[in-house]
PDB file of N, CA and C in Angstrom:
ATOM      1  N   UNK A   1       8.148  -9.123  16.293  1.00  0.00           N
ATOM      2  CA  UNK A   1       8.335  -7.716  15.166  1.00  0.00           C
ATOM      3  C   UNK A   1       8.637  -7.086  16.223  1.00  0.00           C
ATOM      4  N   UNK A   2       8.453  -6.602  16.837  1.00  0.00           N
ATOM      5  CA  UNK A   2       8.903  -5.590  17.636  1.00  0.00           C
ATOM      6  C   UNK A   2      10.345  -5.466  17.554  1.00  0.00           C
ATOM      7  N   UNK A   3      11.138  -6.443  18.025  1.00  0.00           N
ATOM      8  CA  UNK A   3      12.822  -6.575  17.819  1.00  0.00           C
ATOM      9  C   UNK A   3      13.220  -5.826  16.383  1.00  0.00           C
ATOM     10  N   UNK A   4      12.545  -6.429  15.233  1.00  0.00           N
ATOM     11  CA  UNK A   4      12.416  -5.976  13.891  1.00  0.00           C
ATOM     12  C   UNK A   4      12.391  -4.205  13.769  1.00  0.00           C
ATOM     13  N   UNK A   5      11.551  -3.720  13.951  1.00  0.00           N
ATOM     14  CA  UNK A   5      11.289  -2.339  14.223  1.00  0.00           C
ATOM     15  C   UNK A   5      12.140  -1.481  15.466  1.00  0.00           C
ATOM     16  N   UNK A   6      12.757  -2.247  16.627  1.00  0.00           N
ATOM     17  CA  UNK A   6      13.623  -1.445  17.371  1.00  0.00           C
ATOM     18  C   UNK A   6      14.984  -1.430  16.686  1.00  0.00           C
ATOM     19  N   UNK A   7      15.057  -2.524  16.244  1.00  0.00           N
ATOM     20  CA  UNK A   7      16.256  -2.701  15.223  1.00  0.00           C
ATOM     21  C   UNK A   7      17.024  -1.563  14.332  1.00  0.00           C
ATOM     22  N   UNK A   8      15.550  -1.540  13.343  1.00  0.00           N
ATOM     23  CA  UNK A   8      15.764  -0.838  12.444  1.00  0.00           C
ATOM     24  C   UNK A   8      15.814   0.793  12.856  1.00  0.00           C
ATOM     25  N   UNK A   9      14.858   1.282  13.836  1.00  0.00           N
ATOM     26  CA  UNK A   9      15.361   2.325  14.647  1.00  0.00           C
ATOM     27  C   UNK A   9      16.733   2.692  15.312  1.00  0.00           C
ATOM     28  N   UNK A  10      16.840   1.792  15.739  1.00  0.00           N
ATOM     29  CA  UNK A  10      18.636   1.972  16.302  1.00  0.00           C
ATOM     30  C   UNK A  10      19.706   2.163  15.371  1.00  0.00           C
ATOM     31  N   UNK A  11      19.141   2.034  13.905  1.00  0.00           N
ATOM     32  CA  UNK A  11      20.499   2.011  12.374  1.00  0.00           C
ATOM     33  C   UNK A  11      20.025   3.407  12.541  1.00  0.00           C
ATOM     34  N   UNK A  12      18.836   4.337  12.721  1.00  0.00           N
ATOM     35  CA  UNK A  12      18.390   5.512  11.729  1.00  0.00           C
ATOM     36  C   UNK A  12      18.684   6.375  13.088  1.00  0.00           C
ATOM     37  N   UNK A  13      19.483   7.602  12.903  1.00  0.00           N
ATOM     38  CA  UNK A  13      19.655   8.587  13.761  1.00  0.00           C
ATOM     39  C   UNK A  13      18.291   9.468  13.826  1.00  0.00           C
ATOM     40  N   UNK A  14      17.562   9.159  12.542  1.00  0.00           N
ATOM     41  CA  UNK A  14      16.336  10.189  12.807  1.00  0.00           C
ATOM     42  C   UNK A  14      15.123   9.526  14.064  1.00  0.00           C
ATOM     43  N   UNK A  15      15.466   8.379  14.454  1.00  0.00           N
ATOM     44  CA  UNK A  15      14.026   8.073  15.071  1.00  0.00           C
ATOM     45  C   UNK A  15      14.889   7.766  16.593  1.00  0.00           C
ATOM     46  N   UNK A  16      13.939   7.676  17.580  1.00  0.00           N
ATOM     47  CA  UNK A  16      14.169   7.547  19.300  1.00  0.00           C
ATOM     48  C   UNK A  16      14.134   6.271  19.385  1.00  0.00           C
ATOM     49  N   UNK A  17      12.863   5.541  18.876  1.00  0.00           N
ATOM     50  CA  UNK A  17      13.062   4.263  19.130  1.00  0.00           C
ATOM     51  C   UNK A  17      12.371   3.346  18.261  1.00  0.00           C
ATOM     52  N   UNK A  18      11.575   3.187  17.680  1.00  0.00           N
ATOM     53  CA  UNK A  18      11.154   2.279  16.449  1.00  0.00           C
ATOM     54  C   UNK A  18      11.355   2.718  15.073  1.00  0.00           C
ATOM     55  N   UNK A  19      11.143   2.056  14.169  1.00  0.00           N
ATOM     56  CA  UNK A  19      11.223   2.566  12.701  1.00  0.00           C
ATOM     57  C   UNK A  19      10.285   1.323  11.723  1.00  0.00           C
ATOM     58  N   UNK A  20       9.145   2.015  11.359  1.00  0.00           N
ATOM     59  CA  UNK A  20       8.247   0.902  10.720  1.00  0.00           C
ATOM     60  C   UNK A  20       8.261   1.378   9.248  1.00  0.00           C
ATOM     61  N   UNK A  21       8.525   2.696   8.869  1.00  0.00           N
ATOM     62  CA  UNK A  21       8.353   2.953   7.624  1.00  0.00           C
ATOM     63  C   UNK A  21       9.550   3.230   6.967  1.00  0.00           C
ATOM     64  N   UNK A  22       9.884   3.125   5.965  1.00  0.00           N
ATOM     65  CA  UNK A  22      11.024   3.108   4.915  1.00  0.00           C
ATOM     66  C   UNK A  22      11.301   4.534   5.176  1.00  0.00           C
ATOM     67  N   UNK A  23      12.619   5.010   5.128  1.00  0.00           N
ATOM     68  CA  UNK A  23      12.613   6.348   5.123  1.00  0.00           C
ATOM     69  C   UNK A  23      13.046   6.816   3.760  1.00  0.00           C
ATOM     70  N   UNK A  24      13.164   5.874   2.669  1.00  0.00           N
ATOM     71  CA  UNK A  24      13.512   6.711   1.331  1.00  0.00           C
ATOM     72  C   UNK A  24      12.243   6.572   0.576  1.00  0.00           C
ATOM     73  N   UNK A  25      10.741   6.351   1.158  1.00  0.00           N
ATOM     74  CA  UNK A  25       9.796   7.148   0.346  1.00  0.00           C
ATOM     75  C   UNK A  25       9.511   8.327   0.309  1.00  0.00           C
ATOM     76  N   UNK A  26       9.267   8.740  -0.950  1.00  0.00           N
ATOM     77  CA  UNK A  26       8.865  10.071  -0.610  1.00  0.00           C
ATOM     78  C   UNK A  26       7.490  10.528  -1.808  1.00  0.00           C
ATOM     79  N   UNK A  27       6.516  11.467  -1.327  1.00  0.00           N
ATOM     80  CA  UNK A  27       5.642  11.580  -1.897  1.00  0.00           C
ATOM     81  C   UNK A  27       5.651  12.320  -3.410  1.00  0.00           C
ATOM     82  N   UNK A  28       4.887  11.930  -4.030  1.00  0.00           N
ATOM     83  CA  UNK A  28       4.716  12.183  -5.266  1.00  0.00           C
ATOM     84  C   UNK A  28       3.237  12.916  -5.496  1.00  0.00           C
ATOM     85  N   UNK A  29       2.998  13.983  -6.272  1.00  0.00           N
ATOM     86  CA  UNK A  29       2.110  14.792  -6.338  1.00  0.00           C
ATOM     87  C   UNK A  29       1.391  14.007  -7.729  1.00  0.00           C
ATOM     88  N   UNK A  30       0.103  13.904  -7.458  1.00  0.00           N
ATOM     89  CA  UNK A  30      -1.011  13.192  -8.369  1.00  0.00           C
ATOM     90  C   UNK A  30      -1.186  14.081  -9.688  1.00  0.00           C
ATOM     91  N   UNK A  31      -0.597  14.379 -10.824  1.00  0.00           N
ATOM     92  CA  UNK A  31      -0.979  15.416 -11.352  1.00  0.00           C
ATOM     93  C   UNK A  31      -1.653  15.154 -12.376  1.00  0.00           C
ATOM     94  N   UNK A  32      -2.087  13.799 -13.290  1.00  0.00           N
ATOM     95  CA  UNK A  32      -2.864  13.446 -14.066  1.00  0.00           C
ATOM     96  C   UNK A  32      -3.738  12.236 -13.938  1.00  0.00           C
ATOM     97  N   UNK A  33      -4.679  12.003 -14.661  1.00  0.00           N
ATOM     98  CA  UNK A  33      -5.372  10.674 -14.375  1.00  0.00           C
ATOM     99  C   UNK A  33      -4.679   9.776 -14.747  1.00  0.00           C
ATOM    100  N   UNK A  34      -4.440  10.029 -15.488  1.00  0.00           N
ATOM    101  CA  UNK A  34      -2.999   8.377 -16.121  1.00  0.00           C
ATOM    102  C   UNK A  34      -2.110   8.398 -14.953  1.00  0.00           C
ATOM    103  N   UNK A  35      -1.459   8.931 -14.069  1.00  0.00           N
ATOM    104  CA  UNK A  35      -0.648   8.920 -13.330  1.00  0.00           C
ATOM    105  C   UNK A  35      -1.001   8.388 -12.312  1.00  0.00           C
ATOM    106  N   UNK A  36      -2.391   8.962 -11.856  1.00  0.00           N
ATOM    107  CA  UNK A  36      -3.558   7.961 -10.640  1.00  0.00           C
ATOM    108  C   UNK A  36      -3.556   7.228 -10.931  1.00  0.00           C
ATOM    109  N   UNK A  37      -4.130   6.360 -12.252  1.00  0.00           N
ATOM    110  CA  UNK A  37      -4.305   5.162 -12.376  1.00  0.00           C
ATOM    111  C   UNK A  37      -3.095   4.457 -12.905  1.00  0.00           C
ATOM    112  N   UNK A  38      -1.689   4.245 -12.535  1.00  0.00           N
ATOM    113  CA  UNK A  38      -0.651   3.852 -12.669  1.00  0.00           C
ATOM    114  C   UNK A  38      -0.715   3.622 -11.107  1.00  0.00           C
ATOM    115  N   UNK A  39      -0.562   4.583  -9.750  1.00  0.00           N
ATOM    116  CA  UNK A  39      -0.499   4.284  -8.394  1.00  0.00           C
ATOM    117  C   UNK A  39      -1.570   3.433  -7.799  1.00  0.00           C
ATOM    118  N   UNK A  40      -2.813   3.498  -8.623  1.00  0.00           N
ATOM    119  CA  UNK A  40      -3.729   2.738  -8.122  1.00  0.00           C
ATOM    120  C   UNK A  40      -3.481   1.078  -8.531  1.00  0.00           C
ATOM    121  N   UNK A  41      -2.882   1.056  -9.713  1.00  0.00           N
ATOM    122  CA  UNK A  41      -2.757   0.126 -10.160  1.00  0.00           C
ATOM    123  C   UNK A  41      -1.641  -0.749  -9.622  1.00  0.00           C
ATOM    124  N   UNK A  42      -0.835  -0.152  -9.146  1.00  0.00           N
ATOM    125  CA  UNK A  42       0.508  -0.261  -8.167  1.00  0.00           C
ATOM    126  C   UNK A  42       0.322  -0.885  -6.797  1.00  0.00           C
ATOM    127  N   UNK A  43      -0.877  -0.047  -6.021  1.00  0.00           N
ATOM    128  CA  UNK A  43      -1.392  -0.430  -4.851  1.00  0.00           C
ATOM    129  C   UNK A  43      -2.552  -1.783  -5.104  1.00  0.00           C
ATOM    130  N   UNK A  44      -2.946  -1.673  -5.894  1.00  0.00           N
ATOM    131  CA  UNK A  44      -3.587  -3.112  -6.061  1.00  0.00           C
ATOM    132  C   UNK A  44      -2.912  -4.180  -6.441  1.00  0.00           C
ATOM    133  N   UNK A  45      -2.018  -3.997  -7.287  1.00  0.00           N
ATOM    134  CA  UNK A  45      -0.991  -5.566  -7.715  1.00  0.00           C
ATOM    135  C   UNK A  45      -0.234  -6.065  -6.027  1.00  0.00           C
ATOM    136  N   UNK A  46      -0.029  -4.853  -5.322  1.00  0.00           N
ATOM    137  CA  UNK A  46       0.762  -5.314  -4.314  1.00  0.00           C
ATOM    138  C   UNK A  46       0.709  -6.811  -3.678  1.00  0.00           C
ATOM    139  N   UNK A  47      -0.607  -7.124  -3.109  1.00  0.00           N
ATOM    140  CA  UNK A  47      -0.618  -8.405  -2.516  1.00  0.00           C
ATOM    141  C   UNK A  47      -0.546  -9.395  -3.389  1.00  0.00           C
ATOM    142  N   UNK A  48      -0.844  -9.006  -4.787  1.00  0.00           N
ATOM    143  CA  UNK A  48      -0.178 -10.228  -5.835  1.00  0.00           C
ATOM    144  C   UNK A  48       1.191 -10.296  -5.770  1.00  0.00           C
ATOM    145  N   UNK A  49       1.857  -9.344  -6.101  1.00  0.00           N
ATOM    146  CA  UNK A  49       3.297  -9.443  -5.985  1.00  0.00           C
ATOM    147  C   UNK A  49       3.818 -10.170  -4.503  1.00  0.00           C
ATOM    148  N   UNK A  50       3.441  -9.760  -3.724  1.00  0.00           N
ATOM    149  CA  UNK A  50       3.585 -10.568  -2.722  1.00  0.00           C
ATOM    150  C   UNK A  50       3.353 -11.846  -2.137  1.00  0.00           C
ATOM    151  N   UNK A  51       2.382 -12.632  -3.223  1.00  0.00           N
ATOM    152  CA  UNK A  51       1.771 -13.930  -3.152  1.00  0.00           C
ATOM    153  C   UNK A  51       0.750 -14.248  -2.169  1.00  0.00           C
ATOM    154  N   UNK A  52       0.158 -12.926  -1.463  1.00  0.00           N
ATOM    155  CA  UNK A  52      -0.832 -13.315  -1.133  1.00  0.00           C
ATOM    156  C   UNK A  52      -2.135 -13.463  -1.568  1.00  0.00           C
ATOM    157  N   UNK A  53      -2.198 -13.259  -3.037  1.00  0.00           N
ATOM    158  CA  UNK A  53      -3.241 -13.527  -3.919  1.00  0.00           C
ATOM    159  C   UNK A  53      -3.371 -13.457  -5.052  1.00  0.00           C
ATOM    160  N   UNK A  54      -4.064 -14.408  -5.998  1.00  0.00           N
ATOM    161  CA  UNK A  54      -3.727 -14.339  -7.116  1.00  0.00           C
ATOM    162  C   UNK A  54      -4.087 -13.207  -8.108  1.00  0.00           C
ATOM    163  N   UNK A  55      -5.315 -12.355  -7.772  1.00  0.00           N
ATOM    164  CA  UNK A  55      -5.846 -11.378  -8.298  1.00  0.00           C
ATOM    165  C   UNK A  55      -5.885 -10.515  -7.441  1.00  0.00           C
ATOM    166  N   UNK A  56      -6.064  -9.181  -7.616  1.00  0.00           N
ATOM    167  CA  UNK A  56      -5.980  -7.968  -6.845  1.00  0.00           C
ATOM    168  C   UNK A  56      -7.450  -7.863  -6.161  1.00  0.00           C
ATOM    169  N   UNK A  57      -8.214  -8.098  -7.028  1.00  0.00           N
ATOM    170  CA  UNK A  57      -9.730  -8.283  -6.186  1.00  0.00           C
ATOM    171  C   UNK A  57      -9.684  -9.510  -5.399  1.00  0.00           C
ATOM    172  N   UNK A  58      -9.083  -9.879  -4.991  1.00  0.00           N
ATOM    173  CA  UNK A  58      -9.097 -11.173  -3.862  1.00  0.00           C
ATOM    174  C   UNK A  58      -8.625 -10.930  -2.809  1.00  0.00           C
ATOM    175  N   UNK A  59      -7.823  -9.869  -2.456  1.00  0.00           N
ATOM    176  CA  UNK A  59      -7.597  -9.303  -1.559  1.00  0.00           C
ATOM    177  C   UNK A  59      -8.662  -8.468  -0.523  1.00  0.00           C
ATOM    178  N   UNK A  60      -8.900  -8.965   0.468  1.00  0.00           N
ATOM    179  CA  UNK A  60     -10.241  -8.649   1.260  1.00  0.00           C
ATOM    180  C   UNK A  60      -9.944  -7.208   1.424  1.00  0.00           C
ATOM    181  N   UNK A  61      -9.147  -6.503   1.606  1.00  0.00           N
ATOM    182  CA  UNK A  61      -9.005  -4.985   2.169  1.00  0.00           C
ATOM    183  C   UNK A  61      -8.640  -3.871   1.085  1.00  0.00           C
ATOM    184  N   UNK A  62      -8.701  -4.634   0.043  1.00  0.00           N
ATOM    185  CA  UNK A  62      -8.329  -3.536  -1.014  1.00  0.00           C
ATOM    186  C   UNK A  62      -9.392  -3.337  -1.865  1.00  0.00           C
ATOM    187  N   UNK A  63      -8.845  -1.730  -2.301  1.00  0.00           N
ATOM    188  CA  UNK A  63     -10.082  -1.053  -2.680  1.00  0.00           C
ATOM    189  C   UNK A  63     -10.109  -1.659  -4.633  1.00  0.00           C
ATOM    190  N   UNK A  64      -9.747  -2.572  -5.048  1.00  0.00           N
ATOM    191  CA  UNK A  64      -9.546  -3.183  -6.167  1.00  0.00           C
ATOM    192  C   UNK A  64     -10.607  -3.781  -6.474  1.00  0.00           C
ATOM    193  N   UNK A  65     -11.429  -4.854  -5.331  1.00  0.00           N
ATOM    194  CA  UNK A  65     -12.908  -5.083  -5.770  1.00  0.00           C
ATOM    195  C   UNK A  65     -13.800  -4.383  -6.062  1.00  0.00           C
ATOM    196  N   UNK A  66     -13.797  -3.070  -5.410  1.00  0.00           N
ATOM    197  CA  UNK A  66     -14.798  -2.195  -5.688  1.00  0.00           C
ATOM    198  C   UNK A  66     -14.355  -1.351  -7.526  1.00  0.00           C
ATOM    199  N   UNK A  67     -13.216  -1.574  -7.567  1.00  0.00           N
ATOM    200  CA  UNK A  67     -12.648  -0.839  -9.190  1.00  0.00           C
ATOM    201  C   UNK A  67     -12.823  -1.951 -10.037  1.00  0.00           C
ATOM    202  N   UNK A  68     -12.965  -2.954 -10.015  1.00  0.00           N
ATOM    203  CA  UNK A  68     -12.744  -4.250 -10.795  1.00  0.00           C
ATOM    204  C   UNK A  68     -13.761  -5.092 -11.032  1.00  0.00           C
ATOM    205  N   UNK A  69     -14.811  -5.329  -9.989  1.00  0.00           N
ATOM    206  CA  UNK A  69     -15.734  -5.750  -9.959  1.00  0.00           C
ATOM    207  C   UNK A  69     -16.807  -5.307  -9.537  1.00  0.00           C
ATOM    208  N   UNK A  70     -18.073  -5.826  -9.595  1.00  0.00           N
ATOM    209  CA  UNK A  70     -19.154  -5.119  -9.275  1.00  0.00           C
ATOM    210  C   UNK A  70     -19.461  -5.220  -7.546  1.00  0.00           C
ATOM    211  N   UNK A  71     -18.450  -6.110  -6.909  1.00  0.00           N
ATOM    212  CA  UNK A  71     -18.942  -6.465  -5.631  1.00  0.00           C
ATOM    213  C   UNK A  71     -17.934  -5.206  -4.703  1.00  0.00           C
ATOM    214  N   UNK A  72     -18.592  -4.759  -3.572  1.00  0.00           N
ATOM    215  CA  UNK A  72     -18.303  -4.009  -2.894  1.00  0.00           C
ATOM    216  C   UNK A  72     -17.117  -4.435  -1.644  1.00  0.00           C
ATOM    217  N   UNK A  73     -16.168  -3.982  -1.410  1.00  0.00           N
ATOM    218  CA  UNK A  73     -15.065  -4.529  -0.877  1.00  0.00           C
ATOM    219  C   UNK A  73     -15.452  -4.234   0.796  1.00  0.00           C
ATOM    220  N   UNK A  74     -14.430  -4.517   1.604  1.00  0.00           N
ATOM    221  CA  UNK A  74     -14.835  -4.411   3.269  1.00  0.00           C
ATOM    222  C   UNK A  74     -14.649  -3.182   3.734  1.00  0.00           C
ATOM    223  N   UNK A  75     -13.713  -2.166   2.792  1.00  0.00           N
ATOM    224  CA  UNK A  75     -13.931  -0.810   3.351  1.00  0.00           C
ATOM    225  C   UNK A  75     -14.507   0.275   2.544  1.00  0.00           C
ATOM    226  N   UNK A  76     -14.924   1.376   3.041  1.00  0.00           N
ATOM    227  CA  UNK A  76     -15.816   2.396   2.705  1.00  0.00           C
ATOM    228  C   UNK A  76     -14.641   3.184   1.608  1.00  0.00           C
ATOM    229  N   UNK A  77     -14.867   3.374   0.607  1.00  0.00           N
ATOM    230  CA  UNK A  77     -14.037   4.153  -0.451  1.00  0.00           C
ATOM    231  C   UNK A  77     -14.346   5.177  -0.970  1.00  0.00           C
ATOM    232  N   UNK A  78     -13.687   6.085  -1.438  1.00  0.00           N
ATOM    233  CA  UNK A  78     -13.919   7.367  -2.376  1.00  0.00           C
ATOM    234  C   UNK A  78     -13.396   7.213  -3.551  1.00  0.00           C
ATOM    235  N   UNK A  79     -14.339   6.936  -4.740  1.00  0.00           N
ATOM    236  CA  UNK A  79     -13.599   6.662  -6.348  1.00  0.00           C
ATOM    237  C   UNK A  79     -13.018   7.924  -6.549  1.00  0.00           C
ATOM    238  N   UNK A  80     -11.672   7.765  -7.223  1.00  0.00           N
ATOM    239  CA  UNK A  80     -10.896   8.745  -7.422  1.00  0.00           C
ATOM    240  C   UNK A  80     -11.245   8.754  -9.222  1.00  0.00           C
TER     241      UNK A  80
END
Protein backbone atom coordinates (compact mmCIF):
# COMPACT_ATOMS: atom_id res chain seq x y z
CA UNK A 1 0.00 0.00 0.00
CA UNK A 2 2.80 2.41 0.83
CA UNK A 3 4.19 1.91 -2.67
CA UNK A 4 0.83 3.00 -4.14
CA UNK A 5 0.68 6.10 -1.93
CA UNK A 6 4.28 6.97 -2.71
CA UNK A 7 3.92 6.60 -6.47
CA UNK A 8 0.73 8.71 -6.40
CA UNK A 9 2.55 11.37 -4.37
CA UNK A 10 5.50 11.47 -6.74
CA UNK A 11 3.17 12.19 -9.69
CA UNK A 12 1.60 15.17 -7.91
CA UNK A 13 3.74 18.31 -7.49
CA UNK A 14 1.57 19.40 -4.51
CA UNK A 15 2.96 16.54 -2.37
CA UNK A 16 6.33 15.93 -0.81
CA UNK A 17 6.15 12.17 -0.22
CA UNK A 18 2.83 10.35 -0.24
CA UNK A 19 -0.71 10.96 -1.43
CA UNK A 20 -3.65 9.27 0.23
CA UNK A 21 -6.62 11.50 -0.60
CA UNK A 22 -7.72 12.38 -4.11
CA UNK A 23 -6.94 15.95 -5.13
CA UNK A 24 -10.16 16.44 -7.07
CA UNK A 25 -12.50 16.27 -4.07
CA UNK A 26 -13.97 19.63 -3.13
CA UNK A 27 -16.05 20.42 -0.04
CA UNK A 28 -19.65 21.45 -0.51
CA UNK A 29 -21.69 23.51 1.91
CA UNK A 30 -24.67 21.67 3.37
CA UNK A 31 -27.42 24.15 2.57
CA UNK A 32 -30.59 22.16 3.26
CA UNK A 33 -31.89 19.09 5.08
CA UNK A 34 -32.59 17.41 1.73
CA UNK A 35 -29.00 17.98 0.56
CA UNK A 36 -27.70 16.62 3.89
CA UNK A 37 -29.86 13.52 3.51
CA UNK A 38 -28.54 12.92 0.00
CA UNK A 39 -24.94 13.12 1.28
CA UNK A 40 -25.72 10.73 4.14
CA UNK A 41 -27.30 8.28 1.70
CA UNK A 42 -24.21 8.51 -0.52
CA UNK A 43 -21.87 7.82 2.42
CA UNK A 44 -24.05 5.00 3.76
CA UNK A 45 -24.20 3.29 0.36
CA UNK A 46 -20.44 3.39 -0.33
CA UNK A 47 -19.78 -0.02 1.35
CA UNK A 48 -22.67 -1.50 -0.65
CA UNK A 49 -21.30 -0.19 -3.96
CA UNK A 50 -17.84 -1.49 -3.02
CA UNK A 51 -19.34 -4.96 -2.53
CA UNK A 52 -18.42 -5.17 1.16
CA UNK A 53 -22.00 -5.64 2.38
CA UNK A 54 -25.44 -6.13 0.89
CA UNK A 55 -27.21 -3.49 3.02
CA UNK A 56 -25.78 -0.19 4.36
CA UNK A 57 -26.53 -1.02 8.02
CA UNK A 58 -24.47 -4.23 7.78
CA UNK A 59 -21.19 -2.27 7.61
CA UNK A 60 -20.07 -2.17 11.24
CA UNK A 61 -18.31 1.21 11.10
CA UNK A 62 -21.21 2.99 9.40
CA UNK A 63 -23.71 5.32 11.03
CA UNK A 64 -26.34 3.70 8.78
CA UNK A 65 -26.96 1.21 11.58
CA UNK A 66 -27.95 4.07 13.88
CA UNK A 67 -30.04 5.87 11.25
CA UNK A 68 -31.78 2.93 9.59
CA UNK A 69 -32.32 0.46 12.43
CA UNK A 70 -33.01 0.61 16.16
CA UNK A 71 -29.53 -0.75 16.84
CA UNK A 72 -26.51 1.23 17.94
CA UNK A 73 -23.43 1.14 15.74
CA UNK A 74 -19.86 0.68 16.94
CA UNK A 75 -19.00 4.38 16.77
CA UNK A 76 -20.56 7.21 18.76
CA UNK A 77 -22.42 9.58 16.45
CA UNK A 78 -24.32 12.86 16.67
CA UNK A 79 -27.52 12.68 14.65
CA UNK A 80 -28.05 15.50 12.16
